[in-house]
Amino acid sequence: MNGIGWLGAIIIGGLAGWLAEKVMKSNTGLLMNIVLGIVGSIVFSAILQAFGFFGRGWIAFLVPGFIGACLLIYLARLLRR
């Protein structure tokens, strides 16, 4: 989990998901915020690592988590239409 541990991943994932929820004007909930933040971070971090960007710590988990969660919310909206 990028050097932050499981508990840190849950907390930071929740924060990233909550920020994405506010920016994207979505109404998901606490559990979904955590899931979106963690999954978004994993997916977007993998994309960044494919291009040679590496990071460690909570910032390297929060920023990709936020961007990834925003992308997941956007994709979910596209699929619902």
PDB file of N, CA and C in Angstrom:
ATOM      1  N   MET A   1       0.822  -1.195   0.000  1.00  0.00           N
ATOM      2  CA  MET A   1       0.000   0.000   0.000  1.00  0.00           C
ATOM      3  C   MET A   1       0.863   1.253   0.000  1.00  0.00           C
ATOM      4  N   ASN A   2       1.958   1.207  -0.685  1.00  0.00           N
ATOM      5  CA  ASN A   2       2.767   2.406  -0.906  1.00  0.00           C
ATOM      6  C   ASN A   2       3.381   2.944   0.380  1.00  0.00           C
ATOM      7  N   GLY A   3       3.649   2.063   1.350  1.00  0.00           N
ATOM      8  CA  GLY A   3       4.323   2.478   2.567  1.00  0.00           C
ATOM      9  C   GLY A   3       3.445   3.140   3.604  1.00  0.00           C
ATOM     10  N   ILE A   4       2.119   3.071   3.473  1.00  0.00           N
ATOM     11  CA  ILE A   4       1.252   3.743   4.437  1.00  0.00           C
ATOM     12  C   ILE A   4       0.442   2.777   5.288  1.00  0.00           C
ATOM     13  N   GLY A   5       0.377   1.517   4.950  1.00  0.00           N
ATOM     14  CA  GLY A   5      -0.367   0.523   5.711  1.00  0.00           C
ATOM     15  C   GLY A   5      -1.848   0.515   5.359  1.00  0.00           C
ATOM     16  N   TRP A   6      -2.531  -0.516   5.833  1.00  0.00           N
ATOM     17  CA  TRP A   6      -3.946  -0.686   5.505  1.00  0.00           C
ATOM     18  C   TRP A   6      -4.817   0.385   6.140  1.00  0.00           C
ATOM     19  N   LEU A   7      -4.581   0.692   7.395  1.00  0.00           N
ATOM     20  CA  LEU A   7      -5.392   1.706   8.070  1.00  0.00           C
ATOM     21  C   LEU A   7      -5.205   3.069   7.410  1.00  0.00           C
ATOM     22  N   GLY A   8      -3.975   3.410   7.092  1.00  0.00           N
ATOM     23  CA  GLY A   8      -3.702   4.661   6.390  1.00  0.00           C
ATOM     24  C   GLY A   8      -4.356   4.687   5.016  1.00  0.00           C
ATOM     25  N   ALA A   9      -4.346   3.541   4.321  1.00  0.00           N
ATOM     26  CA  ALA A   9      -4.973   3.459   3.006  1.00  0.00           C
ATOM     27  C   ALA A   9      -6.474   3.696   3.108  1.00  0.00           C
ATOM     28  N   ILE A  10      -7.100   3.169   4.147  1.00  0.00           N
ATOM     29  CA  ILE A  10      -8.536   3.363   4.334  1.00  0.00           C
ATOM     30  C   ILE A  10      -8.844   4.822   4.635  1.00  0.00           C
ATOM     31  N   ILE A  11      -8.068   5.424   5.527  1.00  0.00           N
ATOM     32  CA  ILE A  11      -8.304   6.822   5.893  1.00  0.00           C
ATOM     33  C   ILE A  11      -8.049   7.745   4.708  1.00  0.00           C
ATOM     34  N   ILE A  12      -6.918   7.578   4.050  1.00  0.00           N
ATOM     35  CA  ILE A  12      -6.581   8.446   2.910  1.00  0.00           C
ATOM     36  C   ILE A  12      -7.501   8.171   1.730  1.00  0.00           C
ATOM     37  N   GLY A  13      -7.874   6.897   1.524  1.00  0.00           N
ATOM     38  CA  GLY A  13      -8.827   6.561   0.467  1.00  0.00           C
ATOM     39  C   GLY A  13     -10.180   7.202   0.713  1.00  0.00           C
ATOM     40  N   GLY A  14     -10.610   7.204   1.972  1.00  0.00           N
ATOM     41  CA  GLY A  14     -11.866   7.870   2.309  1.00  0.00           C
ATOM     42  C   GLY A  14     -11.805   9.360   2.052  1.00  0.00           C
ATOM     43  N   LEU A  15     -10.684   9.977   2.406  1.00  0.00           N
ATOM     44  CA  LEU A  15     -10.502  11.405   2.163  1.00  0.00           C
ATOM     45  C   LEU A  15     -10.488  11.704   0.667  1.00  0.00           C
ATOM     46  N   ALA A  16      -9.762  10.894  -0.102  1.00  0.00           N
ATOM     47  CA  ALA A  16      -9.709  11.094  -1.550  1.00  0.00           C
ATOM     48  C   ALA A  16     -11.087  10.906  -2.174  1.00  0.00           C
ATOM     49  N   GLY A  17     -11.812   9.883  -1.740  1.00  0.00           N
ATOM     50  CA  GLY A  17     -13.160   9.646  -2.253  1.00  0.00           C
ATOM     51  C   GLY A  17     -14.116  10.757  -1.871  1.00  0.00           C
ATOM     52  N   TRP A  18     -13.982  11.283  -0.644  1.00  0.00           N
ATOM     53  CA  TRP A  18     -14.842  12.376  -0.197  1.00  0.00           C
ATOM     54  C   TRP A  18     -14.581  13.637  -1.016  1.00  0.00           C
ATOM     55  N   LEU A  19     -13.300  13.942  -1.244  1.00  0.00           N
ATOM     56  CA  LEU A  19     -12.951  15.104  -2.070  1.00  0.00           C
ATOM     57  C   LEU A  19     -13.508  14.953  -3.493  1.00  0.00           C
ATOM     58  N   ALA A  20     -13.366  13.751  -4.050  1.00  0.00           N
ATOM     59  CA  ALA A  20     -13.886  13.502  -5.395  1.00  0.00           C
ATOM     60  C   ALA A  20     -15.408  13.634  -5.419  1.00  0.00           C
ATOM     61  N   GLU A  21     -16.060  13.163  -4.359  1.00  0.00           N
ATOM     62  CA  GLU A  21     -17.517  13.271  -4.262  1.00  0.00           C
ATOM     63  C   GLU A  21     -17.953  14.736  -4.273  1.00  0.00           C
ATOM     64  N   LYS A  22     -17.236  15.579  -3.552  1.00  0.00           N
ATOM     65  CA  LYS A  22     -17.576  16.996  -3.487  1.00  0.00           C
ATOM     66  C   LYS A  22     -17.310  17.701  -4.816  1.00  0.00           C
ATOM     67  N   VAL A  23     -16.170  17.407  -5.435  1.00  0.00           N
ATOM     68  CA  VAL A  23     -15.807  18.057  -6.697  1.00  0.00           C
ATOM     69  C   VAL A  23     -16.741  17.619  -7.824  1.00  0.00           C
ATOM     70  N   MET A  24     -17.080  16.333  -7.858  1.00  0.00           N
ATOM     71  CA  MET A  24     -17.923  15.798  -8.929  1.00  0.00           C
ATOM     72  C   MET A  24     -19.414  15.939  -8.626  1.00  0.00           C
ATOM     73  N   LYS A  25     -19.747  16.498  -7.469  1.00  0.00           N
ATOM     74  CA  LYS A  25     -21.144  16.676  -7.040  1.00  0.00           C
ATOM     75  C   LYS A  25     -21.916  15.364  -7.115  1.00  0.00           C
ATOM     76  N   SER A  26     -21.340  14.365  -6.469  1.00  0.00           N
ATOM     77  CA  SER A  26     -21.922  13.035  -6.412  1.00  0.00           C
ATOM     78  C   SER A  26     -22.446  12.797  -5.000  1.00  0.00           C
ATOM     79  N   ASN A  27     -23.288  11.827  -4.823  1.00  0.00           N
ATOM     80  CA  ASN A  27     -23.812  11.501  -3.504  1.00  0.00           C
ATOM     81  C   ASN A  27     -23.621  10.005  -3.283  1.00  0.00           C
ATOM     82  N   THR A  28     -22.421   9.624  -2.836  1.00  0.00           N
ATOM     83  CA  THR A  28     -22.124   8.202  -2.734  1.00  0.00           C
ATOM     84  C   THR A  28     -22.247   7.669  -1.316  1.00  0.00           C
ATOM     85  N   GLY A  29     -21.575   8.223  -0.362  1.00  0.00           N
ATOM     86  CA  GLY A  29     -21.596   7.712   1.001  1.00  0.00           C
ATOM     87  C   GLY A  29     -20.201   7.325   1.459  1.00  0.00           C
ATOM     88  N   LEU A  30     -20.061   7.103   2.758  1.00  0.00           N
ATOM     89  CA  LEU A  30     -18.742   6.871   3.349  1.00  0.00           C
ATOM     90  C   LEU A  30     -18.059   5.630   2.802  1.00  0.00           C
ATOM     91  N   LEU A  31     -18.742   4.497   2.779  1.00  0.00           N
ATOM     92  CA  LEU A  31     -18.120   3.254   2.310  1.00  0.00           C
ATOM     93  C   LEU A  31     -17.714   3.362   0.845  1.00  0.00           C
ATOM     94  N   MET A  32     -18.587   3.925   0.030  1.00  0.00           N
ATOM     95  CA  MET A  32     -18.261   4.077  -1.385  1.00  0.00           C
ATOM     96  C   MET A  32     -17.141   5.078  -1.588  1.00  0.00           C
ATOM     97  N   ASN A  33     -17.059   6.120  -0.748  1.00  0.00           N
ATOM     98  CA  ASN A  33     -15.937   7.060  -0.822  1.00  0.00           C
ATOM     99  C   ASN A  33     -14.619   6.345  -0.582  1.00  0.00           C
ATOM    100  N   ILE A  34     -14.584   5.482   0.432  1.00  0.00           N
ATOM    101  CA  ILE A  34     -13.366   4.729   0.741  1.00  0.00           C
ATOM    102  C   ILE A  34     -13.001   3.825  -0.424  1.00  0.00           C
ATOM    103  N   VAL A  35     -13.986   3.110  -0.951  1.00  0.00           N
ATOM    104  CA  VAL A  35     -13.728   2.198  -2.076  1.00  0.00           C
ATOM    105  C   VAL A  35     -13.241   2.974  -3.295  1.00  0.00           C
ATOM    106  N   LEU A  36     -13.930   4.063  -3.629  1.00  0.00           N
ATOM    107  CA  LEU A  36     -13.524   4.864  -4.789  1.00  0.00           C
ATOM    108  C   LEU A  36     -12.119   5.429  -4.615  1.00  0.00           C
ATOM    109  N   GLY A  37     -11.803   5.892  -3.415  1.00  0.00           N
ATOM    110  CA  GLY A  37     -10.480   6.451  -3.170  1.00  0.00           C
ATOM    111  C   GLY A  37      -9.377   5.416  -3.289  1.00  0.00           C
ATOM    112  N   ILE A  38      -9.601   4.236  -2.709  1.00  0.00           N
ATOM    113  CA  ILE A  38      -8.572   3.185  -2.747  1.00  0.00           C
ATOM    114  C   ILE A  38      -8.442   2.621  -4.157  1.00  0.00           C
ATOM    115  N   VAL A  39      -9.558   2.263  -4.778  1.00  0.00           N
ATOM    116  CA  VAL A  39      -9.499   1.704  -6.136  1.00  0.00           C
ATOM    117  C   VAL A  39      -8.972   2.740  -7.121  1.00  0.00           C
ATOM    118  N   GLY A  40      -9.424   3.974  -6.977  1.00  0.00           N
ATOM    119  CA  GLY A  40      -8.928   5.035  -7.845  1.00  0.00           C
ATOM    120  C   GLY A  40      -7.435   5.235  -7.701  1.00  0.00           C
ATOM    121  N   SER A  41      -6.946   5.152  -6.471  1.00  0.00           N
ATOM    122  CA  SER A  41      -5.514   5.301  -6.238  1.00  0.00           C
ATOM    123  C   SER A  41      -4.720   4.157  -6.848  1.00  0.00           C
ATOM    124  N   ILE A  42      -5.216   2.954  -6.701  1.00  0.00           N
ATOM    125  CA  ILE A  42      -4.518   1.793  -7.257  1.00  0.00           C
ATOM    126  C   ILE A  42      -4.462   1.880  -8.776  1.00  0.00           C
ATOM    127  N   VAL A  43      -5.602   2.201  -9.386  1.00  0.00           N
ATOM    128  CA  VAL A  43      -5.664   2.260 -10.849  1.00  0.00           C
ATOM    129  C   VAL A  43      -4.814   3.409 -11.391  1.00  0.00           C
ATOM    130  N   PHE A  44      -4.998   4.604 -10.835  1.00  0.00           N
ATOM    131  CA  PHE A  44      -4.265   5.756 -11.365  1.00  0.00           C
ATOM    132  C   PHE A  44      -2.780   5.682 -11.032  1.00  0.00           C
ATOM    133  N   SER A  45      -2.419   5.107  -9.881  1.00  0.00           N
ATOM    134  CA  SER A  45      -0.999   4.912  -9.551  1.00  0.00           C
ATOM    135  C   SER A  45      -0.340   3.965 -10.545  1.00  0.00           C
ATOM    136  N   ALA A  46      -1.065   2.917 -10.940  1.00  0.00           N
ATOM    137  CA  ALA A  46      -0.527   1.981 -11.929  1.00  0.00           C
ATOM    138  C   ALA A  46      -0.302   2.687 -13.266  1.00  0.00           C
ATOM    139  N   ILE A  47      -1.235   3.561 -13.633  1.00  0.00           N
ATOM    140  CA  ILE A  47      -1.077   4.327 -14.878  1.00  0.00           C
ATOM    141  C   ILE A  47       0.136   5.245 -14.779  1.00  0.00           C
ATOM    142  N   LEU A  48       0.273   5.941 -13.648  1.00  0.00           N
ATOM    143  CA  LEU A  48       1.426   6.831 -13.470  1.00  0.00           C
ATOM    144  C   LEU A  48       2.745   6.059 -13.469  1.00  0.00           C
ATOM    145  N   GLN A  49       2.770   4.887 -12.830  1.00  0.00           N
ATOM    146  CA  GLN A  49       3.993   4.089 -12.801  1.00  0.00           C
ATOM    147  C   GLN A  49       4.360   3.582 -14.188  1.00  0.00           C
ATOM    148  N   ALA A  50       3.362   3.331 -15.034  1.00  0.00           N
ATOM    149  CA  ALA A  50       3.640   2.905 -16.405  1.00  0.00           C
ATOM    150  C   ALA A  50       4.362   3.999 -17.190  1.00  0.00           C
ATOM    151  N   PHE A  51       4.130   5.244 -16.801  1.00  0.00           N
ATOM    152  CA  PHE A  51       4.801   6.370 -17.447  1.00  0.00           C
ATOM    153  C   PHE A  51       6.050   6.828 -16.701  1.00  0.00           C
ATOM    154  N   GLY A  52       6.425   6.096 -15.652  1.00  0.00           N
ATOM    155  CA  GLY A  52       7.670   6.383 -14.958  1.00  0.00           C
ATOM    156  C   GLY A  52       7.561   7.287 -13.744  1.00  0.00           C
ATOM    157  N   PHE A  53       6.363   7.590 -13.287  1.00  0.00           N
ATOM    158  CA  PHE A  53       6.195   8.415 -12.090  1.00  0.00           C
ATOM    159  C   PHE A  53       6.022   7.524 -10.869  1.00  0.00           C
ATOM    160  N   PHE A  54       6.848   7.729  -9.876  1.00  0.00           N
ATOM    161  CA  PHE A  54       6.788   6.939  -8.651  1.00  0.00           C
ATOM    162  C   PHE A  54       6.695   7.886  -7.465  1.00  0.00           C
ATOM    163  N   GLY A  55       6.033   7.448  -6.432  1.00  0.00           N
ATOM    164  CA  GLY A  55       5.934   8.247  -5.226  1.00  0.00           C
ATOM    165  C   GLY A  55       5.713   7.351  -4.025  1.00  0.00           C
ATOM    166  N   ARG A  56       5.973   7.902  -2.852  1.00  0.00           N
ATOM    167  CA  ARG A  56       5.762   7.160  -1.618  1.00  0.00           C
ATOM    168  C   ARG A  56       5.074   8.074  -0.623  1.00  0.00           C
ATOM    169  N   GLY A  57       4.382   7.474   0.305  1.00  0.00           N
ATOM    170  CA  GLY A  57       3.751   8.255   1.352  1.00  0.00           C
ATOM    171  C   GLY A  57       2.306   8.606   1.054  1.00  0.00           C
ATOM    172  N   TRP A  58       1.745   9.411   1.943  1.00  0.00           N
ATOM    173  CA  TRP A  58       0.312   9.672   1.850  1.00  0.00           C
ATOM    174  C   TRP A  58      -0.051  10.610   0.717  1.00  0.00           C
ATOM    175  N   ILE A  59       0.824  11.532   0.345  1.00  0.00           N
ATOM    176  CA  ILE A  59       0.532  12.415  -0.797  1.00  0.00           C
ATOM    177  C   ILE A  59       0.498  11.614  -2.093  1.00  0.00           C
ATOM    178  N   ALA A  60       1.410  10.663  -2.230  1.00  0.00           N
ATOM    179  CA  ALA A  60       1.456   9.821  -3.421  1.00  0.00           C
ATOM    180  C   ALA A  60       0.269   8.865  -3.478  1.00  0.00           C
ATOM    181  N   PHE A  61      -0.481   8.740  -2.404  1.00  0.00           N
ATOM    182  CA  PHE A  61      -1.692   7.937  -2.378  1.00  0.00           C
ATOM    183  C   PHE A  61      -2.931   8.824  -2.525  1.00  0.00           C
ATOM    184  N   LEU A  62      -2.892  10.023  -1.941  1.00  0.00           N
ATOM    185  CA  LEU A  62      -4.053  10.920  -1.954  1.00  0.00           C
ATOM    186  C   LEU A  62      -4.319  11.506  -3.340  1.00  0.00           C
ATOM    187  N   VAL A  63      -3.311  12.022  -3.986  1.00  0.00           N
ATOM    188  CA  VAL A  63      -3.502  12.678  -5.288  1.00  0.00           C
ATOM    189  C   VAL A  63      -3.994  11.685  -6.348  1.00  0.00           C
ATOM    190  N   PRO A  64      -3.322  10.545  -6.538  1.00  0.00           N
ATOM    191  CA  PRO A  64      -3.869   9.588  -7.507  1.00  0.00           C
ATOM    192  C   PRO A  64      -5.232   9.041  -7.075  1.00  0.00           C
ATOM    193  N   GLY A  65      -5.454   8.923  -5.765  1.00  0.00           N
ATOM    194  CA  GLY A  65      -6.756   8.466  -5.290  1.00  0.00           C
ATOM    195  C   GLY A  65      -7.859   9.439  -5.651  1.00  0.00           C
ATOM    196  N   PHE A  66      -7.594  10.724  -5.489  1.00  0.00           N
ATOM    197  CA  PHE A  66      -8.564  11.757  -5.843  1.00  0.00           C
ATOM    198  C   PHE A  66      -8.844  11.746  -7.342  1.00  0.00           C
ATOM    199  N   ILE A  67      -7.788  11.759  -8.144  1.00  0.00           N
ATOM    200  CA  ILE A  67      -7.949  11.780  -9.601  1.00  0.00           C
ATOM    201  C   ILE A  67      -8.620  10.501 -10.084  1.00  0.00           C
ATOM    202  N   GLY A  68      -8.165   9.371  -9.556  1.00  0.00           N
ATOM    203  CA  GLY A  68      -8.758   8.090  -9.938  1.00  0.00           C
ATOM    204  C   GLY A  68     -10.218   7.986  -9.533  1.00  0.00           C
ATOM    205  N   ALA A  69     -10.571   8.471  -8.346  1.00  0.00           N
ATOM    206  CA  ALA A  69     -11.967   8.444  -7.901  1.00  0.00           C
ATOM    207  C   ALA A  69     -12.828   9.338  -8.782  1.00  0.00           C
ATOM    208  N   CYS A  70     -12.312  10.496  -9.164  1.00  0.00           N
ATOM    209  CA  CYS A  70     -13.048  11.373 -10.086  1.00  0.00           C
ATOM    210  C   CYS A  70     -13.289  10.674 -11.421  1.00  0.00           C
ATOM    211  N   LEU A  71     -12.268   9.990 -11.905  1.00  0.00           N
ATOM    212  CA  LEU A  71     -12.420   9.251 -13.168  1.00  0.00           C
ATOM    213  C   LEU A  71     -13.437   8.124 -13.031  1.00  0.00           C
ATOM    214  N   LEU A  72     -13.431   7.423 -11.911  1.00  0.00           N
ATOM    215  CA  LEU A  72     -14.395   6.342 -11.699  1.00  0.00           C
ATOM    216  C   LEU A  72     -15.822   6.878 -11.603  1.00  0.00           C
ATOM    217  N   ILE A  73     -16.014   8.000 -10.939  1.00  0.00           N
ATOM    218  CA  ILE A  73     -17.350   8.609 -10.864  1.00  0.00           C
ATOM    219  C   ILE A  73     -17.802   9.013 -12.269  1.00  0.00           C
ATOM    220  N   TYR A  74     -16.900   9.592 -13.031  1.00  0.00           N
ATOM    221  CA  TYR A  74     -17.218   9.996 -14.404  1.00  0.00           C
ATOM    222  C   TYR A  74     -17.607   8.783 -15.258  1.00  0.00           C
ATOM    223  N   LEU A  75     -16.827   7.704 -15.148  1.00  0.00           N
ATOM    224  CA  LEU A  75     -17.132   6.487 -15.927  1.00  0.00           C
ATOM    225  C   LEU A  75     -18.463   5.876 -15.499  1.00  0.00           C
ATOM    226  N   ALA A  76     -18.759   5.898 -14.207  1.00  0.00           N
ATOM    227  CA  ALA A  76     -20.032   5.361 -13.725  1.00  0.00           C
ATOM    228  C   ALA A  76     -21.200   6.176 -14.284  1.00  0.00           C
ATOM    229  N   ARG A  77     -21.026   7.482 -14.363  1.00  0.00           N
ATOM    230  CA  ARG A  77     -22.082   8.328 -14.941  1.00  0.00           C
ATOM    231  C   ARG A  77     -22.278   8.033 -16.426  1.00  0.00           C
ATOM    232  N   LEU A  78     -21.171   7.770 -17.143  1.00  0.00           N
ATOM    233  CA  LEU A  78     -21.284   7.443 -18.554  1.00  0.00           C
ATOM    234  C   LEU A  78     -22.029   6.123 -18.760  1.00  0.00           C
ATOM    235  N   LEU A  79     -21.737   5.146 -17.908  1.00  0.00           N
ATOM    236  CA  LEU A  79     -22.363   3.833 -18.049  1.00  0.00           C
ATOM    237  C   LEU A  79     -23.845   3.860 -17.661  1.00  0.00           C
ATOM    238  N   ARG A  80     -24.222   4.734 -16.744  1.00  0.00           N
ATOM    239  CA  ARG A  80     -25.621   4.816 -16.322  1.00  0.00           C
ATOM    240  C   ARG A  80     -26.519   5.439 -17.383  1.00  0.00           C
ATOM    241  N   ARG A  81     -25.947   6.209 -18.273  1.00  0.00           N
ATOM    242  CA  ARG A  81     -26.757   6.880 -19.307  1.00  0.00           C
ATOM    243  C   ARG A  81     -27.116   5.956 -20.383  1.00  0.00           C
TER     244      ARG A  81
END
